[in-house]
């Protein structure tokens, strides 16, 4: 009996040791659709989201929107909140502060970085992070000069480097590529430019670091098979051979989508990683570790095309109190230390 008890104790100890040595790290991306405050920024076209606009946007609706986003974030994880979250379409720092400090997220203790881009509507990208699991080392905003080739000003690319529990550096790029307004063909050159700038920034990090761990996420306003992703970033679904410094799109080839256009689901929100994260290093992930979050409360019936569609805040100018026109994406990494 004594031997069996010792054996049971040894097995329990071994299991606990393995669990302690492996930690889950969650990364989430979500285009929250028009998170605007109710005040006019004189330098931006934000009049659509004012109390006296046809939308009737007001502080009560703003608060509801904040709580909705907090609910999605808190629902996304099982035990722990996501460690790093990229949000697209956030107007300013007031929105960021309200979300992390005056919502259900307050207890989670997020810190944040927000860009201050030249986008005409005033929307930016916002990165929330857990300062104990992602210790910020450096942040950088990368300008995309679409105006120089006849486009409208667009969002900067946000690059944050952080130290994780393994002691390794994790480099996160958050993007919101130029929109498809005017048609995707006509606007494609602006996304190709943004992808080129992103690719050279990611390549320089991968060349500089001996052990690079790169995550690129955001709303690309392009699908996995479009040129900006398949050609310029050269990111596709991981196959049998993995190269350390190549990019792999963990959303390529998935069922469903993050956005519905005329009754068709497509994946505009993507998470792309470098091959090093798909190997046997201290930080590991894989194709099966990424998913689209499609909780029933994020969806509603599509009256026009049938099936379901994202449950939005507005239907045209009619207020509905939903979430966003996009669904979030989530990636789990395992930290071995």
C-alpha atoms as a PDB file:
ATOM      1  CA  UNK A   1       0.000   0.000   0.000  1.00  0.00           C
ATOM      2  CA  UNK A   2       2.806   2.340   0.911  1.00  0.00           C
ATOM      3  CA  UNK A   3       4.371   1.914  -2.521  1.00  0.00           C
ATOM      4  CA  UNK A   4       1.042   2.653  -4.294  1.00  0.00           C
ATOM      5  CA  UNK A   5       0.491   5.768  -2.156  1.00  0.00           C
ATOM      6  CA  UNK A   6       3.993   6.994  -3.016  1.00  0.00           C
ATOM      7  CA  UNK A   7       3.311   6.267  -6.702  1.00  0.00           C
ATOM      8  CA  UNK A   8       0.011   8.198  -6.628  1.00  0.00           C
ATOM      9  CA  UNK A   9       1.719  11.135  -4.909  1.00  0.00           C
ATOM     10  CA  UNK A  10       4.548  11.046  -7.453  1.00  0.00           C
ATOM     11  CA  UNK A  11       2.098  11.030 -10.405  1.00  0.00           C
ATOM     12  CA  UNK A  12       0.085  13.909  -8.869  1.00  0.00           C
ATOM     13  CA  UNK A  13       3.304  15.872  -8.294  1.00  0.00           C
ATOM     14  CA  UNK A  14       4.470  15.198 -11.852  1.00  0.00           C
ATOM     15  CA  UNK A  15       1.115  16.360 -13.295  1.00  0.00           C
ATOM     16  CA  UNK A  16       1.082  19.517 -11.148  1.00  0.00           C
ATOM     17  CA  UNK A  17       4.680  20.246 -12.154  1.00  0.00           C
ATOM     18  CA  UNK A  18       3.755  19.970 -15.839  1.00  0.00           C
ATOM     19  CA  UNK A  19       0.713  22.187 -15.387  1.00  0.00           C
ATOM     20  CA  UNK A  20       2.777  24.759 -13.516  1.00  0.00           C
ATOM     21  CA  UNK A  21       5.365  24.709 -16.274  1.00  0.00           C
ATOM     22  CA  UNK A  22       2.768  25.369 -18.962  1.00  0.00           C
ATOM     23  CA  UNK A  23       0.671  28.501 -18.946  1.00  0.00           C
ATOM     24  CA  UNK A  24      -2.078  29.561 -21.310  1.00  0.00           C
ATOM     25  CA  UNK A  25      -1.818  33.027 -22.903  1.00  0.00           C
ATOM     26  CA  UNK A  26      -4.834  34.369 -24.792  1.00  0.00           C
ATOM     27  CA  UNK A  27      -4.806  36.896 -27.623  1.00  0.00           C
ATOM     28  CA  UNK A  28      -8.052  38.380 -28.925  1.00  0.00           C
ATOM     29  CA  UNK A  29      -8.947  40.750 -31.772  1.00  0.00           C
ATOM     30  CA  UNK A  30     -12.285  42.488 -32.245  1.00  0.00           C
ATOM     31  CA  UNK A  31     -13.561  45.223 -34.534  1.00  0.00           C
ATOM     32  CA  UNK A  32     -16.054  46.800 -32.122  1.00  0.00           C
ATOM     33  CA  UNK A  33     -17.725  48.995 -34.808  1.00  0.00           C
ATOM     34  CA  UNK A  34     -17.921  52.699 -34.087  1.00  0.00           C
ATOM     35  CA  UNK A  35     -16.958  53.084 -30.435  1.00  0.00           C
ATOM     36  CA  UNK A  36     -17.442  56.868 -30.381  1.00  0.00           C
ATOM     37  CA  UNK A  37     -17.896  59.202 -27.446  1.00  0.00           C
ATOM     38  CA  UNK A  38     -20.654  61.852 -27.672  1.00  0.00           C
ATOM     39  CA  UNK A  39     -18.431  64.895 -28.058  1.00  0.00           C
ATOM     40  CA  UNK A  40     -17.447  66.533 -31.331  1.00  0.00           C
ATOM     41  CA  UNK A  41     -13.783  66.510 -32.222  1.00  0.00           C
ATOM     42  CA  UNK A  42     -13.429  69.641 -34.374  1.00  0.00           C
ATOM     43  CA  UNK A  43     -10.715  68.016 -36.503  1.00  0.00           C
ATOM     44  CA  UNK A  44     -12.726  64.874 -37.358  1.00  0.00           C
ATOM     45  CA  UNK A  45     -15.899  63.851 -39.209  1.00  0.00           C
ATOM     46  CA  UNK A  46     -17.642  62.399 -36.157  1.00  0.00           C
ATOM     47  CA  UNK A  47     -20.956  64.310 -36.380  1.00  0.00           C
ATOM     48  CA  UNK A  48     -22.799  61.078 -37.112  1.00  0.00           C
ATOM     49  CA  UNK A  49     -22.265  60.124 -33.442  1.00  0.00           C
ATOM     50  CA  UNK A  50     -23.713  63.141 -31.652  1.00  0.00           C
ATOM     51  CA  UNK A  51     -26.895  63.495 -29.570  1.00  0.00           C
ATOM     52  CA  UNK A  52     -28.452  65.772 -32.239  1.00  0.00           C
ATOM     53  CA  UNK A  53     -27.555  63.502 -35.179  1.00  0.00           C
ATOM     54  CA  UNK A  54     -30.151  61.257 -36.904  1.00  0.00           C
ATOM     55  CA  UNK A  55     -28.653  58.356 -34.915  1.00  0.00           C
ATOM     56  CA  UNK A  56     -29.369  60.137 -31.628  1.00  0.00           C
ATOM     57  CA  UNK A  57     -26.090  58.879 -30.150  1.00  0.00           C
ATOM     58  CA  UNK A  58     -25.901  59.804 -26.454  1.00  0.00           C
ATOM     59  CA  UNK A  59     -24.057  58.984 -23.247  1.00  0.00           C
ATOM     60  CA  UNK A  60     -26.517  56.217 -22.294  1.00  0.00           C
ATOM     61  CA  UNK A  61     -25.943  54.450 -25.623  1.00  0.00           C
ATOM     62  CA  UNK A  62     -22.199  54.969 -25.286  1.00  0.00           C
ATOM     63  CA  UNK A  63     -22.268  53.333 -21.817  1.00  0.00           C
ATOM     64  CA  UNK A  64     -24.301  50.416 -23.197  1.00  0.00           C
ATOM     65  CA  UNK A  65     -21.744  49.982 -25.983  1.00  0.00           C
ATOM     66  CA  UNK A  66     -18.880  49.968 -23.435  1.00  0.00           C
ATOM     67  CA  UNK A  67     -20.622  47.325 -21.293  1.00  0.00           C
ATOM     68  CA  UNK A  68     -21.329  45.219 -24.383  1.00  0.00           C
ATOM     69  CA  UNK A  69     -17.636  45.208 -25.348  1.00  0.00           C
ATOM     70  CA  UNK A  70     -16.654  44.373 -21.746  1.00  0.00           C
ATOM     71  CA  UNK A  71     -19.133  41.477 -21.764  1.00  0.00           C
ATOM     72  CA  UNK A  72     -17.629  40.020 -24.943  1.00  0.00           C
ATOM     73  CA  UNK A  73     -14.094  40.252 -23.524  1.00  0.00           C
ATOM     74  CA  UNK A  74     -15.086  38.638 -20.212  1.00  0.00           C
ATOM     75  CA  UNK A  75     -17.017  35.888 -22.022  1.00  0.00           C
ATOM     76  CA  UNK A  76     -14.146  35.133 -24.421  1.00  0.00           C
ATOM     77  CA  UNK A  77     -11.988  33.367 -21.861  1.00  0.00           C
ATOM     78  CA  UNK A  78     -12.619  30.397 -19.660  1.00  0.00           C
ATOM     79  CA  UNK A  79     -10.806  31.113 -16.398  1.00  0.00           C
ATOM     80  CA  UNK A  80      -8.651  34.140 -17.161  1.00  0.00           C
ATOM     81  CA  UNK A  81      -9.298  37.251 -19.202  1.00  0.00           C
ATOM     82  CA  UNK A  82      -7.353  37.525 -22.493  1.00  0.00           C
ATOM     83  CA  UNK A  83      -3.772  38.709 -21.935  1.00  0.00           C
ATOM     84  CA  UNK A  84      -3.626  40.908 -25.033  1.00  0.00           C
ATOM     85  CA  UNK A  85      -6.616  42.351 -26.901  1.00  0.00           C
ATOM     86  CA  UNK A  86      -6.604  44.325 -30.130  1.00  0.00           C
ATOM     87  CA  UNK A  87      -9.681  46.486 -30.742  1.00  0.00           C
ATOM     88  CA  UNK A  88     -10.447  48.296 -34.018  1.00  0.00           C
ATOM     89  CA  UNK A  89     -12.714  51.362 -34.490  1.00  0.00           C
ATOM     90  CA  UNK A  90     -12.147  53.108 -31.155  1.00  0.00           C
ATOM     91  CA  UNK A  91     -12.405  56.889 -31.354  1.00  0.00           C
ATOM     92  CA  UNK A  92     -10.036  58.138 -28.661  1.00  0.00           C
ATOM     93  CA  UNK A  93      -8.426  57.835 -25.248  1.00  0.00           C
ATOM     94  CA  UNK A  94     -11.645  58.765 -23.432  1.00  0.00           C
ATOM     95  CA  UNK A  95     -13.246  55.605 -24.884  1.00  0.00           C
ATOM     96  CA  UNK A  96     -10.179  53.543 -23.898  1.00  0.00           C
ATOM     97  CA  UNK A  97     -10.147  54.904 -20.332  1.00  0.00           C
ATOM     98  CA  UNK A  98     -13.885  54.323 -19.910  1.00  0.00           C
ATOM     99  CA  UNK A  99     -13.568  50.731 -21.105  1.00  0.00           C
ATOM    100  CA  UNK A 100     -10.653  49.721 -18.861  1.00  0.00           C
ATOM    101  CA  UNK A 101     -11.524  51.841 -15.823  1.00  0.00           C
ATOM    102  CA  UNK A 102     -15.293  52.318 -15.689  1.00  0.00           C
ATOM    103  CA  UNK A 103     -16.849  49.072 -16.924  1.00  0.00           C
ATOM    104  CA  UNK A 104     -17.038  45.428 -15.820  1.00  0.00           C
ATOM    105  CA  UNK A 105     -13.420  45.210 -17.038  1.00  0.00           C
ATOM    106  CA  UNK A 106     -12.194  47.411 -14.180  1.00  0.00           C
ATOM    107  CA  UNK A 107     -11.285  44.431 -11.963  1.00  0.00           C
ATOM    108  CA  UNK A 108      -9.202  42.910 -14.767  1.00  0.00           C
ATOM    109  CA  UNK A 109      -6.586  45.687 -14.459  1.00  0.00           C
ATOM    110  CA  UNK A 110      -5.833  46.239 -18.127  1.00  0.00           C
ATOM    111  CA  UNK A 111      -3.404  48.862 -19.326  1.00  0.00           C
ATOM    112  CA  UNK A 112      -3.657  50.185 -22.878  1.00  0.00           C
ATOM    113  CA  UNK A 113      -1.994  51.790 -25.880  1.00  0.00           C
ATOM    114  CA  UNK A 114      -4.040  53.702 -28.460  1.00  0.00           C
ATOM    115  CA  UNK A 115      -2.882  55.209 -31.740  1.00  0.00           C
ATOM    116  CA  UNK A 116      -3.645  58.801 -32.727  1.00  0.00           C
ATOM    117  CA  UNK A 117      -4.037  58.317 -36.467  1.00  0.00           C
ATOM    118  CA  UNK A 118      -4.932  60.820 -39.196  1.00  0.00           C
ATOM    119  CA  UNK A 119      -8.056  58.782 -40.116  1.00  0.00           C
ATOM    120  CA  UNK A 120     -10.758  61.302 -41.119  1.00  0.00           C
ATOM    121  CA  UNK A 121     -13.486  59.770 -38.967  1.00  0.00           C
ATOM    122  CA  UNK A 122     -11.114  59.719 -36.009  1.00  0.00           C
ATOM    123  CA  UNK A 123     -11.094  55.946 -35.480  1.00  0.00           C
ATOM    124  CA  UNK A 124      -8.019  54.267 -34.074  1.00  0.00           C
ATOM    125  CA  UNK A 125      -6.733  50.893 -32.937  1.00  0.00           C
ATOM    126  CA  UNK A 126      -6.498  50.136 -29.215  1.00  0.00           C
ATOM    127  CA  UNK A 127      -4.350  47.474 -27.557  1.00  0.00           C
ATOM    128  CA  UNK A 128      -5.303  46.281 -24.061  1.00  0.00           C
ATOM    129  CA  UNK A 129      -2.767  44.200 -22.171  1.00  0.00           C
ATOM    130  CA  UNK A 130      -2.273  42.542 -18.807  1.00  0.00           C
ATOM    131  CA  UNK A 131       0.875  44.213 -17.396  1.00  0.00           C
ATOM    132  CA  UNK A 132       1.871  41.101 -15.406  1.00  0.00           C
ATOM    133  CA  UNK A 133       1.708  38.633 -18.291  1.00  0.00           C
ATOM    134  CA  UNK A 134       2.777  41.064 -21.050  1.00  0.00           C
ATOM    135  CA  UNK A 135       5.336  43.456 -19.593  1.00  0.00           C
ATOM    136  CA  UNK A 136       5.503  46.298 -22.085  1.00  0.00           C
ATOM    137  CA  UNK A 137       9.026  46.945 -23.366  1.00  0.00           C
ATOM    138  CA  UNK A 138       8.350  49.188 -26.328  1.00  0.00           C
ATOM    139  CA  UNK A 139       5.555  50.642 -28.460  1.00  0.00           C
ATOM    140  CA  UNK A 140       5.612  52.171 -31.893  1.00  0.00           C
ATOM    141  CA  UNK A 141       3.053  53.686 -34.283  1.00  0.00           C
ATOM    142  CA  UNK A 142       3.783  53.089 -37.960  1.00  0.00           C
ATOM    143  CA  UNK A 143       2.300  55.553 -40.439  1.00  0.00           C
ATOM    144  CA  UNK A 144       0.719  54.357 -43.707  1.00  0.00           C
ATOM    145  CA  UNK A 145       0.927  57.281 -46.198  1.00  0.00           C
ATOM    146  CA  UNK A 146      -2.101  56.413 -48.373  1.00  0.00           C
ATOM    147  CA  UNK A 147      -2.587  60.126 -49.151  1.00  0.00           C
ATOM    148  CA  UNK A 148       0.600  60.012 -51.247  1.00  0.00           C
ATOM    149  CA  UNK A 149      -1.092  57.627 -53.715  1.00  0.00           C
ATOM    150  CA  UNK A 150      -4.470  59.391 -53.822  1.00  0.00           C
ATOM    151  CA  UNK A 151      -6.163  57.768 -50.836  1.00  0.00           C
ATOM    152  CA  UNK A 152      -7.751  59.083 -47.677  1.00  0.00           C
ATOM    153  CA  UNK A 153      -5.729  59.194 -44.444  1.00  0.00           C
ATOM    154  CA  UNK A 154      -5.858  55.811 -42.694  1.00  0.00           C
ATOM    155  CA  UNK A 155      -5.060  54.135 -39.374  1.00  0.00           C
ATOM    156  CA  UNK A 156      -1.507  53.752 -38.124  1.00  0.00           C
ATOM    157  CA  UNK A 157      -0.171  50.259 -37.450  1.00  0.00           C
ATOM    158  CA  UNK A 158       0.434  49.685 -33.739  1.00  0.00           C
ATOM    159  CA  UNK A 159       3.504  47.649 -32.752  1.00  0.00           C
ATOM    160  CA  UNK A 160       4.001  46.597 -29.116  1.00  0.00           C
ATOM    161  CA  UNK A 161       6.829  44.468 -27.725  1.00  0.00           C
ATOM    162  CA  UNK A 162       6.330  42.768 -24.375  1.00  0.00           C
ATOM    163  CA  UNK A 163       8.165  40.361 -22.077  1.00  0.00           C
ATOM    164  CA  UNK A 164       6.143  37.236 -21.304  1.00  0.00           C
ATOM    165  CA  UNK A 165       6.407  34.692 -18.478  1.00  0.00           C
ATOM    166  CA  UNK A 166       8.979  32.566 -20.340  1.00  0.00           C
ATOM    167  CA  UNK A 167      11.349  35.549 -20.480  1.00  0.00           C
ATOM    168  CA  UNK A 168      10.876  35.774 -24.250  1.00  0.00           C
ATOM    169  CA  UNK A 169       9.812  38.871 -26.171  1.00  0.00           C
ATOM    170  CA  UNK A 170       6.461  38.781 -27.954  1.00  0.00           C
ATOM    171  CA  UNK A 171       5.966  41.297 -30.782  1.00  0.00           C
ATOM    172  CA  UNK A 172       2.353  42.194 -31.512  1.00  0.00           C
ATOM    173  CA  UNK A 173       1.201  44.184 -34.553  1.00  0.00           C
ATOM    174  CA  UNK A 174      -2.375  45.495 -34.587  1.00  0.00           C
ATOM    175  CA  UNK A 175      -3.794  46.749 -37.886  1.00  0.00           C
ATOM    176  CA  UNK A 176      -6.963  48.181 -39.386  1.00  0.00           C
ATOM    177  CA  UNK A 177      -6.264  48.317 -43.109  1.00  0.00           C
ATOM    178  CA  UNK A 178      -7.865  50.924 -45.413  1.00  0.00           C
ATOM    179  CA  UNK A 179     -11.549  50.291 -46.132  1.00  0.00           C
ATOM    180  CA  UNK A 180     -13.192  48.965 -49.276  1.00  0.00           C
ATOM    181  CA  UNK A 181     -15.230  52.134 -49.842  1.00  0.00           C
ATOM    182  CA  UNK A 182     -15.455  52.892 -53.548  1.00  0.00           C
ATOM    183  CA  UNK A 183     -15.178  49.156 -54.279  1.00  0.00           C
ATOM    184  CA  UNK A 184     -12.476  46.639 -53.377  1.00  0.00           C
ATOM    185  CA  UNK A 185     -10.649  46.849 -56.720  1.00  0.00           C
ATOM    186  CA  UNK A 186     -10.386  50.620 -56.652  1.00  0.00           C
ATOM    187  CA  UNK A 187      -9.283  50.663 -53.003  1.00  0.00           C
ATOM    188  CA  UNK A 188      -6.986  47.620 -53.140  1.00  0.00           C
ATOM    189  CA  UNK A 189      -3.799  49.611 -53.780  1.00  0.00           C
ATOM    190  CA  UNK A 190      -4.165  51.264 -50.370  1.00  0.00           C
ATOM    191  CA  UNK A 191      -4.322  47.900 -48.601  1.00  0.00           C
ATOM    192  CA  UNK A 192      -1.368  46.656 -50.650  1.00  0.00           C
ATOM    193  CA  UNK A 193       0.601  49.671 -49.432  1.00  0.00           C
ATOM    194  CA  UNK A 194      -0.376  49.015 -45.799  1.00  0.00           C
ATOM    195  CA  UNK A 195       0.571  45.324 -46.192  1.00  0.00           C
ATOM    196  CA  UNK A 196       3.968  46.253 -47.647  1.00  0.00           C
ATOM    197  CA  UNK A 197       4.744  48.553 -44.721  1.00  0.00           C
ATOM    198  CA  UNK A 198       3.577  45.905 -42.248  1.00  0.00           C
ATOM    199  CA  UNK A 199       5.647  43.188 -43.949  1.00  0.00           C
ATOM    200  CA  UNK A 200       8.862  45.205 -43.794  1.00  0.00           C
ATOM    201  CA  UNK A 201       8.231  46.059 -40.108  1.00  0.00           C
ATOM    202  CA  UNK A 202       7.629  42.374 -39.267  1.00  0.00           C
ATOM    203  CA  UNK A 203      10.654  41.265 -41.321  1.00  0.00           C
ATOM    204  CA  UNK A 204      12.944  43.730 -39.572  1.00  0.00           C
ATOM    205  CA  UNK A 205      11.837  42.379 -36.158  1.00  0.00           C
ATOM    206  CA  UNK A 206      12.364  38.790 -37.312  1.00  0.00           C
ATOM    207  CA  UNK A 207      15.821  39.632 -38.630  1.00  0.00           C
ATOM    208  CA  UNK A 208      16.766  41.555 -35.495  1.00  0.00           C
ATOM    209  CA  UNK A 209      15.679  38.993 -32.887  1.00  0.00           C
ATOM    210  CA  UNK A 210      17.424  35.626 -32.536  1.00  0.00           C
ATOM    211  CA  UNK A 211      14.176  34.094 -31.281  1.00  0.00           C
ATOM    212  CA  UNK A 212      11.353  36.133 -32.858  1.00  0.00           C
ATOM    213  CA  UNK A 213       7.743  35.606 -31.758  1.00  0.00           C
ATOM    214  CA  UNK A 214       5.444  37.668 -33.968  1.00  0.00           C
ATOM    215  CA  UNK A 215       1.655  38.013 -33.935  1.00  0.00           C
ATOM    216  CA  UNK A 216      -0.141  40.195 -36.492  1.00  0.00           C
ATOM    217  CA  UNK A 217      -3.857  40.732 -35.967  1.00  0.00           C
ATOM    218  CA  UNK A 218      -6.628  43.075 -36.966  1.00  0.00           C
ATOM    219  CA  UNK A 219      -9.315  43.912 -39.481  1.00  0.00           C
ATOM    220  CA  UNK A 220      -7.533  43.650 -42.823  1.00  0.00           C
ATOM    221  CA  UNK A 221     -10.574  44.670 -44.917  1.00  0.00           C
ATOM    222  CA  UNK A 222      -9.364  41.837 -47.149  1.00  0.00           C
ATOM    223  CA  UNK A 223      -9.976  38.095 -47.129  1.00  0.00           C
ATOM    224  CA  UNK A 224      -7.212  35.465 -46.730  1.00  0.00           C
ATOM    225  CA  UNK A 225      -7.012  34.900 -50.506  1.00  0.00           C
ATOM    226  CA  UNK A 226      -6.680  38.622 -51.370  1.00  0.00           C
ATOM    227  CA  UNK A 227      -3.291  39.911 -52.562  1.00  0.00           C
ATOM    228  CA  UNK A 228      -2.467  42.022 -49.488  1.00  0.00           C
ATOM    229  CA  UNK A 229      -2.397  38.847 -47.377  1.00  0.00           C
ATOM    230  CA  UNK A 230      -1.619  36.005 -49.781  1.00  0.00           C
ATOM    231  CA  UNK A 231       0.998  37.851 -51.889  1.00  0.00           C
ATOM    232  CA  UNK A 232       2.433  40.803 -49.956  1.00  0.00           C
ATOM    233  CA  UNK A 233       2.453  39.227 -46.477  1.00  0.00           C
ATOM    234  CA  UNK A 234       2.748  35.781 -48.108  1.00  0.00           C
ATOM    235  CA  UNK A 235       0.649  34.398 -45.256  1.00  0.00           C
ATOM    236  CA  UNK A 236      -1.416  31.268 -45.801  1.00  0.00           C
ATOM    237  CA  UNK A 237      -2.658  28.333 -43.738  1.00  0.00           C
ATOM    238  CA  UNK A 238       0.245  26.382 -42.165  1.00  0.00           C
ATOM    239  CA  UNK A 239       1.172  23.220 -44.055  1.00  0.00           C
ATOM    240  CA  UNK A 240       3.627  20.384 -43.439  1.00  0.00           C
ATOM    241  CA  UNK A 241       6.799  22.458 -43.564  1.00  0.00           C
ATOM    242  CA  UNK A 242       7.139  25.479 -41.332  1.00  0.00           C
ATOM    243  CA  UNK A 243       9.801  28.151 -41.772  1.00  0.00           C
ATOM    244  CA  UNK A 244      10.758  30.118 -38.679  1.00  0.00           C
ATOM    245  CA  UNK A 245      10.517  33.572 -40.280  1.00  0.00           C
ATOM    246  CA  UNK A 246       7.645  32.955 -42.690  1.00  0.00           C
ATOM    247  CA  UNK A 247       4.123  34.170 -41.842  1.00  0.00           C
ATOM    248  CA  UNK A 248       1.130  31.857 -41.408  1.00  0.00           C
ATOM    249  CA  UNK A 249      -2.531  32.851 -41.413  1.00  0.00           C
ATOM    250  CA  UNK A 250      -4.411  30.924 -38.713  1.00  0.00           C
ATOM    251  CA  UNK A 251      -7.772  32.113 -40.102  1.00  0.00           C
ATOM    252  CA  UNK A 252      -7.188  30.880 -43.660  1.00  0.00           C
ATOM    253  CA  UNK A 253      -9.503  28.026 -44.663  1.00  0.00           C
ATOM    254  CA  UNK A 254     -11.890  28.262 -41.710  1.00  0.00           C
ATOM    255  CA  UNK A 255     -15.621  27.716 -41.831  1.00  0.00           C
ATOM    256  CA  UNK A 256     -17.901  30.703 -41.351  1.00  0.00           C
ATOM    257  CA  UNK A 257     -16.527  34.193 -40.975  1.00  0.00           C
ATOM    258  CA  UNK A 258     -16.163  37.324 -38.890  1.00  0.00           C
ATOM    259  CA  UNK A 259     -18.222  39.585 -41.147  1.00  0.00           C
ATOM    260  CA  UNK A 260     -21.304  39.083 -43.324  1.00  0.00           C
ATOM    261  CA  UNK A 261     -21.711  40.908 -46.618  1.00  0.00           C
ATOM    262  CA  UNK A 262     -24.931  40.443 -48.606  1.00  0.00           C
ATOM    263  CA  UNK A 263     -25.665  37.148 -46.897  1.00  0.00           C
ATOM    264  CA  UNK A 264     -22.133  35.744 -47.337  1.00  0.00           C
ATOM    265  CA  UNK A 265     -19.790  35.141 -44.417  1.00  0.00           C
ATOM    266  CA  UNK A 266     -16.136  36.078 -44.930  1.00  0.00           C
ATOM    267  CA  UNK A 267     -13.048  36.418 -42.756  1.00  0.00           C
ATOM    268  CA  UNK A 268     -11.838  40.026 -42.589  1.00  0.00           C
ATOM    269  CA  UNK A 269     -10.416  39.672 -39.058  1.00  0.00           C
ATOM    270  CA  UNK A 270      -7.303  37.555 -39.017  1.00  0.00           C
ATOM    271  CA  UNK A 271      -4.524  36.391 -36.742  1.00  0.00           C
ATOM    272  CA  UNK A 272      -1.193  35.754 -38.450  1.00  0.00           C
ATOM    273  CA  UNK A 273       1.902  34.340 -36.700  1.00  0.00           C
ATOM    274  CA  UNK A 274       5.482  33.641 -37.652  1.00  0.00           C
ATOM    275  CA  UNK A 275       6.678  30.049 -38.022  1.00  0.00           C
ATOM    276  CA  UNK A 276       8.680  30.220 -34.802  1.00  0.00           C
ATOM    277  CA  UNK A 277       5.406  30.196 -32.819  1.00  0.00           C
ATOM    278  CA  UNK A 278       4.364  26.987 -34.599  1.00  0.00           C
ATOM    279  CA  UNK A 279       7.571  25.191 -33.594  1.00  0.00           C
ATOM    280  CA  UNK A 280       8.909  23.679 -30.388  1.00  0.00           C
ATOM    281  CA  UNK A 281      10.023  26.870 -28.622  1.00  0.00           C
ATOM    282  CA  UNK A 282       8.976  28.262 -25.248  1.00  0.00           C
ATOM    283  CA  UNK A 283       5.886  29.866 -26.801  1.00  0.00           C
ATOM    284  CA  UNK A 284       3.783  27.570 -28.959  1.00  0.00           C
ATOM    285  CA  UNK A 285       0.510  27.696 -30.785  1.00  0.00           C
ATOM    286  CA  UNK A 286      -1.145  26.029 -33.758  1.00  0.00           C
ATOM    287  CA  UNK A 287      -3.972  26.205 -36.276  1.00  0.00           C
ATOM    288  CA  UNK A 288      -6.334  24.401 -33.892  1.00  0.00           C
ATOM    289  CA  UNK A 289      -5.648  27.007 -31.174  1.00  0.00           C
ATOM    290  CA  UNK A 290      -7.351  29.830 -33.113  1.00  0.00           C
ATOM    291  CA  UNK A 291     -11.097  30.320 -33.440  1.00  0.00           C
ATOM    292  CA  UNK A 292     -13.879  32.739 -34.344  1.00  0.00           C
ATOM    293  CA  UNK A 293     -16.022  33.639 -31.328  1.00  0.00           C
ATOM    294  CA  UNK A 294     -19.653  33.203 -32.317  1.00  0.00           C
ATOM    295  CA  UNK A 295     -21.604  33.236 -29.057  1.00  0.00           C
ATOM    296  CA  UNK A 296     -25.376  33.211 -29.699  1.00  0.00           C
ATOM    297  CA  UNK A 297     -25.750  36.631 -28.043  1.00  0.00           C
ATOM    298  CA  UNK A 298     -23.470  38.141 -30.732  1.00  0.00           C
ATOM    299  CA  UNK A 299     -25.801  37.002 -33.524  1.00  0.00           C
ATOM    300  CA  UNK A 300     -29.341  37.640 -34.721  1.00  0.00           C
ATOM    301  CA  UNK A 301     -31.584  36.390 -37.498  1.00  0.00           C
ATOM    302  CA  UNK A 302     -30.807  37.817 -40.931  1.00  0.00           C
ATOM    303  CA  UNK A 303     -34.252  38.932 -42.155  1.00  0.00           C
ATOM    304  CA  UNK A 304     -33.073  39.684 -45.664  1.00  0.00           C
ATOM    305  CA  UNK A 305     -30.764  36.777 -46.548  1.00  0.00           C
ATOM    306  CA  UNK A 306     -31.692  34.107 -43.980  1.00  0.00           C
ATOM    307  CA  UNK A 307     -29.405  32.471 -41.410  1.00  0.00           C
ATOM    308  CA  UNK A 308     -27.678  34.574 -38.783  1.00  0.00           C
ATOM    309  CA  UNK A 309     -25.719  37.803 -38.950  1.00  0.00           C
ATOM    310  CA  UNK A 310     -23.768  39.841 -36.342  1.00  0.00           C
ATOM    311  CA  UNK A 311     -26.075  41.646 -33.900  1.00  0.00           C
ATOM    312  CA  UNK A 312     -25.227  45.318 -34.464  1.00  0.00           C
ATOM    313  CA  UNK A 313     -25.757  48.472 -32.443  1.00  0.00           C
ATOM    314  CA  UNK A 314     -27.752  50.036 -35.289  1.00  0.00           C
ATOM    315  CA  UNK A 315     -29.678  48.797 -38.288  1.00  0.00           C
ATOM    316  CA  UNK A 316     -29.233  51.802 -40.584  1.00  0.00           C
ATOM    317  CA  UNK A 317     -30.304  54.667 -38.323  1.00  0.00           C
ATOM    318  CA  UNK A 318     -32.473  52.478 -36.070  1.00  0.00           C
ATOM    319  CA  UNK A 319     -30.931  51.812 -32.660  1.00  0.00           C
ATOM    320  CA  UNK A 320     -30.959  48.135 -31.648  1.00  0.00           C
ATOM    321  CA  UNK A 321     -28.444  47.982 -28.772  1.00  0.00           C
ATOM    322  CA  UNK A 322     -26.350  45.111 -30.164  1.00  0.00           C
ATOM    323  CA  UNK A 323     -22.607  44.606 -30.317  1.00  0.00           C
ATOM    324  CA  UNK A 324     -20.800  44.998 -33.637  1.00  0.00           C
ATOM    325  CA  UNK A 325     -20.939  44.128 -37.334  1.00  0.00           C
ATOM    326  CA  UNK A 326     -17.878  41.887 -36.783  1.00  0.00           C
ATOM    327  CA  UNK A 327     -17.253  38.792 -34.666  1.00  0.00           C
ATOM    328  CA  UNK A 328     -14.079  38.543 -32.546  1.00  0.00           C
ATOM    329  CA  UNK A 329     -11.213  36.088 -33.074  1.00  0.00           C
ATOM    330  CA  UNK A 330      -9.209  34.351 -30.349  1.00  0.00           C
ATOM    331  CA  UNK A 331      -5.824  32.607 -30.219  1.00  0.00           C
ATOM    332  CA  UNK A 332      -4.399  30.509 -27.399  1.00  0.00           C
ATOM    333  CA  UNK A 333      -0.635  30.288 -26.923  1.00  0.00           C
ATOM    334  CA  UNK A 334       1.053  27.911 -24.500  1.00  0.00           C
ATOM    335  CA  UNK A 335       3.983  29.254 -22.507  1.00  0.00           C
ATOM    336  CA  UNK A 336       6.480  26.552 -21.481  1.00  0.00           C
ATOM    337  CA  UNK A 337       8.754  27.627 -18.654  1.00  0.00           C
END
